[in-house]
Protein backbone atom coordinates (compact mmCIF):
# COMPACT_ATOMS: atom_id res chain seq x y z
CA MET A 1 160.30 31.27 113.81
CA THR A 2 158.97 33.52 110.78
CA THR A 3 160.30 36.40 112.94
CA ILE A 4 163.50 35.29 113.31
CA ASP A 5 164.01 34.74 109.89
CA ARG A 6 162.62 37.85 108.77
CA ARG A 7 165.42 39.99 111.33
CA GLY A 8 167.65 37.98 109.44
CA LEU A 9 167.07 38.85 106.14
CA LEU A 10 166.80 42.38 106.54
CA GLY A 11 170.45 42.26 108.92
CA ALA A 12 171.88 40.91 105.92
CA GLY A 13 169.99 43.50 103.60
CA ALA A 14 171.24 46.09 105.53
CA ALA A 15 174.85 44.80 105.50
CA LEU A 16 174.31 44.14 101.86
CA LEU A 17 172.90 47.64 101.81
CA ALA A 18 175.83 49.20 103.59
CA ALA A 19 178.56 47.53 101.73
CA PRO A 20 178.99 49.87 98.87
CA LEU A 21 179.36 52.63 100.89
CA ALA A 22 182.40 51.34 102.26
CA SER A 23 184.36 50.40 98.79
CA PRO A 24 185.45 53.52 97.51
CA ALA A 25 187.31 54.32 100.74
CA LEU A 26 189.23 50.81 100.56
CA ALA A 27 189.60 51.37 96.65
CA GLN A 28 191.23 54.61 97.17
CA PRO A 29 193.14 55.05 99.75
CA ARG A 30 195.29 57.47 101.13
CA TRP A 31 197.88 59.05 98.99
CA PRO A 32 200.86 59.25 100.09
CA ALA A 33 200.60 56.33 102.30
CA ARG A 34 204.41 55.18 101.36
CA PRO A 35 207.79 56.76 100.36
CA VAL A 36 207.91 58.85 96.53
CA GLN A 37 210.52 58.47 93.93
CA MET A 38 211.25 61.51 92.07
CA LEU A 39 213.39 60.89 89.26
CA CYS A 40 215.60 63.56 87.54
CA PRO A 41 216.84 63.24 83.94
CA TRP A 42 220.17 65.37 84.87
CA ALA A 43 223.02 64.95 86.84
CA ALA A 44 223.63 65.64 90.59
CA GLY A 45 224.40 69.26 91.50
CA GLY A 46 222.72 71.16 88.20
CA GLY A 47 220.03 73.39 88.49
CA THR A 48 217.12 70.80 87.54
CA ASP A 49 218.22 69.06 90.50
CA ALA A 50 218.92 71.48 92.60
CA VAL A 51 214.93 72.50 92.60
CA LEU A 52 213.33 68.98 92.40
CA ARG A 53 215.85 68.83 96.01
CA ILE A 54 214.51 71.67 97.30
CA ALA A 55 210.82 70.84 95.99
CA ALA A 56 211.08 67.39 97.45
CA THR A 57 212.52 68.29 100.89
CA LEU A 58 209.56 70.45 101.28
CA LEU A 59 206.84 67.81 99.95
CA GLU A 60 207.75 65.69 102.58
CA ARG A 61 207.17 68.42 105.02
CA GLU A 62 203.70 69.01 103.37
CA LEU A 63 202.59 65.28 102.78
CA GLY A 64 203.74 63.22 105.60
CA GLN A 65 206.55 60.49 103.59
CA PRO A 66 209.50 61.04 101.93
CA PHE A 67 210.46 62.15 98.79
CA ASN A 68 212.99 60.33 97.25
CA VAL A 69 214.94 62.17 94.28
CA VAL A 70 217.07 60.23 92.19
CA ASN A 71 219.24 60.85 89.19
CA ARG A 72 218.27 58.79 86.09
CA THR A 73 220.91 60.68 83.37
CA GLY A 74 221.91 59.86 79.82
CA GLY A 75 220.41 59.81 76.77
CA SER A 76 221.02 63.89 76.38
CA GLY A 77 217.70 63.31 78.84
CA VAL A 78 215.70 60.18 77.29
CA VAL A 79 216.35 58.27 80.04
CA GLY A 80 215.49 59.89 83.00
CA HIS A 81 212.32 61.20 81.04
CA THR A 82 211.24 57.77 79.70
CA ALA A 83 210.98 56.34 83.23
CA ILE A 84 209.16 58.83 84.22
CA ALA A 85 206.68 58.80 81.38
CA GLN A 86 206.49 54.55 81.58
CA ALA A 87 206.37 54.37 85.22
CA SER A 88 203.67 52.90 87.11
CA PRO A 89 200.45 55.48 87.40
CA ASP A 90 200.11 54.90 91.35
CA GLY A 91 201.96 58.55 92.37
CA TYR A 92 204.74 56.71 93.74
CA THR A 93 207.23 57.42 90.88
CA LEU A 94 206.97 60.88 89.78
CA GLY A 95 209.66 63.22 88.66
CA ILE A 96 210.81 66.72 87.06
CA ILE A 97 210.84 67.46 83.52
CA THR A 98 212.49 69.92 81.68
CA SER A 99 212.05 72.25 78.36
CA GLU A 100 214.15 69.14 76.72
CA ILE A 101 210.63 67.28 76.13
CA CYS A 102 209.66 69.19 73.69
CA MET A 103 212.60 68.82 72.04
CA LEU A 104 213.28 65.75 72.09
CA HIS A 105 211.18 63.89 69.63
CA TRP A 106 211.96 66.07 67.34
CA GLN A 107 215.94 64.97 67.03
CA GLY A 108 214.21 61.19 66.83
CA LEU A 109 215.70 60.36 69.76
CA THR A 110 212.37 58.92 71.46
CA GLU A 111 208.74 58.76 70.83
CA VAL A 112 208.14 60.25 74.25
CA THR A 113 206.35 63.37 74.11
CA TYR A 114 204.77 65.75 76.49
CA LYS A 115 201.87 64.01 76.27
CA ASN A 116 202.68 61.40 78.20
CA PHE A 117 202.83 63.26 81.32
CA THR A 118 200.29 64.24 83.45
CA PRO A 119 201.87 67.93 84.55
CA LEU A 120 200.92 68.65 88.74
CA GLY A 121 203.15 71.98 88.50
CA GLN A 122 205.48 74.50 86.95
CA LEU A 123 207.84 75.82 89.81
CA ASN A 124 210.53 77.83 87.70
CA ASN A 125 211.77 79.09 84.18
CA ASP A 126 215.40 80.62 83.57
CA PRO A 127 217.19 81.72 80.94
CA PRO A 128 220.73 80.83 79.51
CA GLY A 129 224.34 82.95 80.16
CA ILE A 130 227.44 82.32 77.73
CA GLN A 131 230.25 81.41 80.41
CA VAL A 132 233.78 80.96 79.75
CA ASN A 133 236.41 79.85 81.60
CA ALA A 134 238.05 82.43 84.17
CA SER A 135 241.57 82.17 81.99
CA SER A 136 239.79 82.65 78.93
CA ALA A 137 241.39 86.27 76.80
CA TYR A 138 237.38 87.21 75.87
CA GLN A 139 236.50 89.75 78.37
CA ASN A 140 233.20 90.47 77.07
CA VAL A 141 230.37 88.19 74.63
CA GLN A 142 231.56 90.81 71.33
CA GLN A 143 234.97 89.41 71.54
CA LEU A 144 234.06 86.05 71.74
CA ALA A 145 231.38 86.45 69.08
CA ASP A 146 234.07 87.91 66.97
CA ALA A 147 236.35 85.10 67.60
CA ILE A 148 233.74 82.62 66.46
CA LYS A 149 233.38 84.41 63.57
CA ALA A 150 236.84 84.42 62.42
CA SER A 151 237.33 80.67 62.83
CA PRO A 152 236.51 77.84 60.81
CA ALA A 153 233.87 75.26 61.86
CA GLY A 154 234.26 73.09 64.39
CA LYS A 155 237.21 75.03 66.08
CA PHE A 156 235.01 75.72 68.85
CA LYS A 157 233.62 73.87 71.58
CA ALA A 158 230.36 74.60 73.68
CA SER A 159 228.08 72.27 75.90
CA GLY A 160 225.39 72.63 78.72
CA THR A 161 223.25 70.29 77.65
CA GLY A 162 222.54 66.75 75.69
CA GLN A 163 222.47 67.33 71.89
CA GLY A 164 219.11 69.08 70.71
CA GLY A 165 218.26 70.44 74.18
CA ILE A 166 217.32 73.35 75.35
CA TRP A 167 220.99 74.89 76.11
CA HIS A 168 222.10 73.72 72.66
CA LEU A 169 219.14 75.16 70.98
CA ALA A 170 220.16 78.42 72.84
CA LEU A 171 223.49 78.42 71.25
CA ALA A 172 222.25 77.83 67.82
CA SER A 173 219.88 80.33 67.88
CA TRP A 174 222.69 82.84 68.50
CA LEU A 175 224.87 82.10 66.04
CA GLY A 176 221.63 81.81 63.56
CA ALA A 177 221.53 85.95 64.80
CA MET A 178 225.16 86.40 63.83
CA GLY A 179 224.72 84.95 60.24
CA LEU A 180 226.40 81.89 61.07
CA LYS A 181 225.08 77.74 60.81
CA ALA A 182 224.28 76.03 63.70
CA ASP A 183 226.75 73.71 63.62
CA HIS A 184 229.87 76.56 63.60
CA VAL A 185 230.46 75.72 67.09
CA ARG A 186 231.17 71.98 68.07
CA TRP A 187 228.39 70.60 70.87
CA VAL A 188 229.79 68.74 73.74
CA PRO A 189 226.81 66.54 74.76
CA SER A 190 226.79 66.59 78.68
CA ASN A 191 224.24 65.11 81.47
CA GLY A 192 223.48 68.47 82.64
CA ALA A 193 224.89 71.97 83.38
CA ALA A 194 226.82 70.71 86.32
CA PRO A 195 229.26 67.83 84.01
CA ALA A 196 229.77 70.43 81.39
CA MET A 197 230.54 73.35 83.87
CA GLN A 198 233.17 70.91 85.35
CA ASP A 199 234.45 70.32 81.83
CA LEU A 200 234.64 74.05 81.11
CA ALA A 201 236.54 75.10 84.41
CA ALA A 202 239.60 71.68 83.87
CA GLY A 203 239.98 73.44 80.18
CA GLY A 204 238.12 71.00 77.86
CA LEU A 205 234.98 73.59 76.39
CA ASP A 206 235.85 77.12 75.20
CA PHE A 207 232.28 78.55 76.80
CA THR A 208 229.15 76.93 77.84
CA THR A 209 225.88 78.07 77.61
CA CYS A 210 223.42 77.04 80.17
CA SER A 211 221.50 79.15 82.46
CA VAL A 212 223.63 81.33 85.49
CA PRO A 213 222.55 79.41 88.39
CA GLU A 214 223.43 76.59 86.82
CA ALA A 215 227.07 78.10 86.41
CA ARG A 216 227.12 79.71 90.23
CA ALA A 217 229.49 76.79 91.78
CA MET A 218 231.85 77.19 89.54
CA LEU A 219 231.28 81.41 89.08
CA ASP A 220 231.90 81.62 93.02
CA ALA A 221 234.77 79.64 93.25
CA GLY A 222 236.63 81.76 90.41
CA ARG A 223 236.71 79.03 87.83
CA ALA A 224 234.67 80.86 85.48
CA ARG A 225 233.01 84.12 84.21
CA SER A 226 229.72 84.62 82.48
CA LEU A 227 229.77 87.08 79.51
CA ALA A 228 226.33 88.00 78.84
CA VAL A 229 222.53 86.49 79.57
CA MET A 230 220.58 85.73 76.76
CA ALA A 231 217.27 87.53 78.41
CA PRO A 232 215.12 90.35 77.74
CA GLU A 233 217.10 92.25 81.03
CA ARG A 234 219.42 91.21 83.23
CA LEU A 235 219.13 89.05 86.15
CA SER A 236 218.50 90.46 89.46
CA ALA A 237 220.78 88.16 91.20
CA PHE A 238 223.43 88.28 88.52
CA ALA A 239 223.05 92.88 87.57
CA ASN A 240 226.48 92.25 86.89
CA ILE A 241 225.68 90.14 83.47
CA PRO A 242 224.71 91.93 80.33
CA THR A 243 221.93 90.99 78.51
CA LEU A 244 223.19 89.59 74.80
CA LYS A 245 220.91 92.84 73.34
CA GLU A 246 222.87 95.40 75.38
CA THR A 247 226.06 94.07 73.94
CA MET A 248 225.79 93.05 70.88
CA GLY A 249 222.10 94.39 69.80
CA ILE A 250 221.36 90.57 69.08
CA ASP A 251 217.19 89.93 70.51
CA VAL A 252 217.84 86.56 71.25
CA THR A 253 216.43 84.89 74.25
CA ALA A 254 215.78 81.73 75.57
CA GLY A 255 214.34 79.96 78.33
CA ALA A 256 214.11 76.26 80.57
CA MET A 257 211.27 75.48 82.10
CA ARG A 258 211.18 72.66 85.18
CA ILE A 259 207.80 71.17 85.55
CA ILE A 260 206.76 68.23 88.51
CA ALA A 261 204.81 65.31 86.35
CA GLY A 262 204.23 61.88 86.37
CA PRO A 263 203.25 59.79 83.80
CA ALA A 264 200.56 59.93 81.86
CA ASN A 265 196.81 58.72 83.46
CA LEU A 266 197.59 59.20 87.44
CA PRO A 267 194.65 58.82 89.76
CA ALA A 268 192.70 61.74 90.67
CA ALA A 269 193.67 61.47 94.61
CA VAL A 270 197.42 61.96 93.53
CA LYS A 271 196.74 64.89 91.63
CA ALA A 272 194.46 66.38 94.37
CA ALA A 273 196.76 66.17 96.87
CA MET A 274 200.10 67.14 94.74
CA GLU A 275 198.57 70.19 93.18
CA PRO A 276 197.74 72.27 95.99
CA ALA A 277 200.87 71.21 98.30
CA LEU A 278 203.07 72.38 95.15
CA LYS A 279 201.45 75.61 95.21
CA LYS A 280 202.09 75.91 98.84
CA VAL A 281 205.72 74.33 98.26
CA PHE A 282 206.74 77.77 96.04
CA ASP A 283 204.88 80.01 98.29
CA SER A 284 206.75 78.95 100.88
CA LYS A 285 209.05 81.07 102.24
CA GLU A 286 211.90 78.61 102.26
CA TYR A 287 211.62 77.78 98.29
CA GLN A 288 211.33 81.84 97.49
CA ASP A 289 214.76 82.31 99.48
CA PHE A 290 216.48 79.06 97.69
CA MET A 291 215.54 80.05 94.57
CA ASN A 292 216.40 84.01 95.27
CA ALA A 293 219.68 83.24 97.08
CA ARG A 294 220.73 80.99 93.89
CA GLY A 295 219.66 83.39 91.28
CA PHE A 296 216.45 81.00 89.97
CA GLY A 297 213.26 82.31 87.91
CA LEU A 298 210.22 81.61 89.82
CA VAL A 299 207.74 81.67 87.43
CA TYR A 300 204.71 79.14 88.29
CA ALA A 301 201.85 77.08 87.43
CA ASP A 302 198.93 74.78 87.92
CA GLY A 303 199.02 71.68 86.43
CA ALA A 304 196.43 73.16 83.34
CA GLY A 305 199.06 75.67 83.58
CA ALA A 306 201.87 73.85 82.86
CA GLY A 307 200.18 71.32 80.20
CA GLN A 308 199.53 74.58 78.32
CA ALA A 309 203.44 75.81 78.25
CA LEU A 310 204.30 72.61 77.55
CA ALA A 311 201.99 72.32 74.36
CA THR A 312 202.63 75.78 73.68
CA ALA A 313 206.74 75.17 74.22
CA ASP A 314 206.33 71.88 71.83
CA ALA A 315 205.22 73.80 68.64
CA SER A 316 207.64 76.91 69.03
CA LEU A 317 211.16 74.74 69.89
CA GLY A 318 210.07 72.58 67.35
CA ASP A 319 210.34 75.47 64.45
CA ALA A 320 213.12 76.97 65.97
CA MET A 321 215.01 73.15 65.86
CA LYS A 322 213.88 73.12 62.50
CA ALA A 323 215.31 76.56 61.50
CA ALA A 324 218.28 75.52 63.12
CA GLY A 325 218.93 72.29 61.31
CA LEU A 326 219.00 70.02 64.69
CA ALA A 327 215.35 68.25 63.91
CA LYS A 328 214.77 65.26 62.08
CA THR A 329 211.07 64.99 62.26
């Protein structure tokens, strides 16, 4: 009887010792175990939407679960960025954040900053171009600049993104380099480059300052023309478009980052799966071909590198917005 009791106690003790070994696996199941929602703060058909959709398609192949893109537009990007930041930090709601997250809080539009996200990888960076309607009388950017300088404030209208967004700041920087105030051209807020280009083609705007790849559909359709690009050198995919420095002697450059991210405090398992998967996506022939065919800038950084890029951009864009009179904080 005593021997049986001892065996029972030994068996129970062995079971207790074994239990903690199994619990971590139960607490941290494989991720992703179900579909992942990918939020886009900008409209369908724009550059950010296009980058996110190709990345989502390739992530599905890498990680074996659907990555479903949902556009959450509004508030000059505030709505979508906030939705990503406030999502449950379980890895099943992620998204793409853009340079605007380093700008919106400077305008007092939101308290959300880059610090409210977990960066997972940067996939792209693009400079802006200056586009006009195909029927515009301005054949080069100098002609457009001369007309703007000769006009009263507010006569010309432009767009490309939300109020105080990266393309708005690009315009303000160009105007400043010409000795004009940031509001000399009236900015018409939009939910991204795609609706802005549609408005341009319909005659509702005088020009846009968005990336050339975002304008490409209208350019290819013969409904718009790009006069110049705000970059250090011509874009390889659009070699016929001169730089501002070439045409006006103005050395104004700008760029829009696109970074895959989630809310703060993502589980380690999500980061461990996503970061290498994003690097594979970036290096894949499909992604490289997609980006090159459309002229998107191929720039990669891992999660830590993307976080540093956001911190640097937040400081520099804040200074630029203050100089342009676009900052309220």
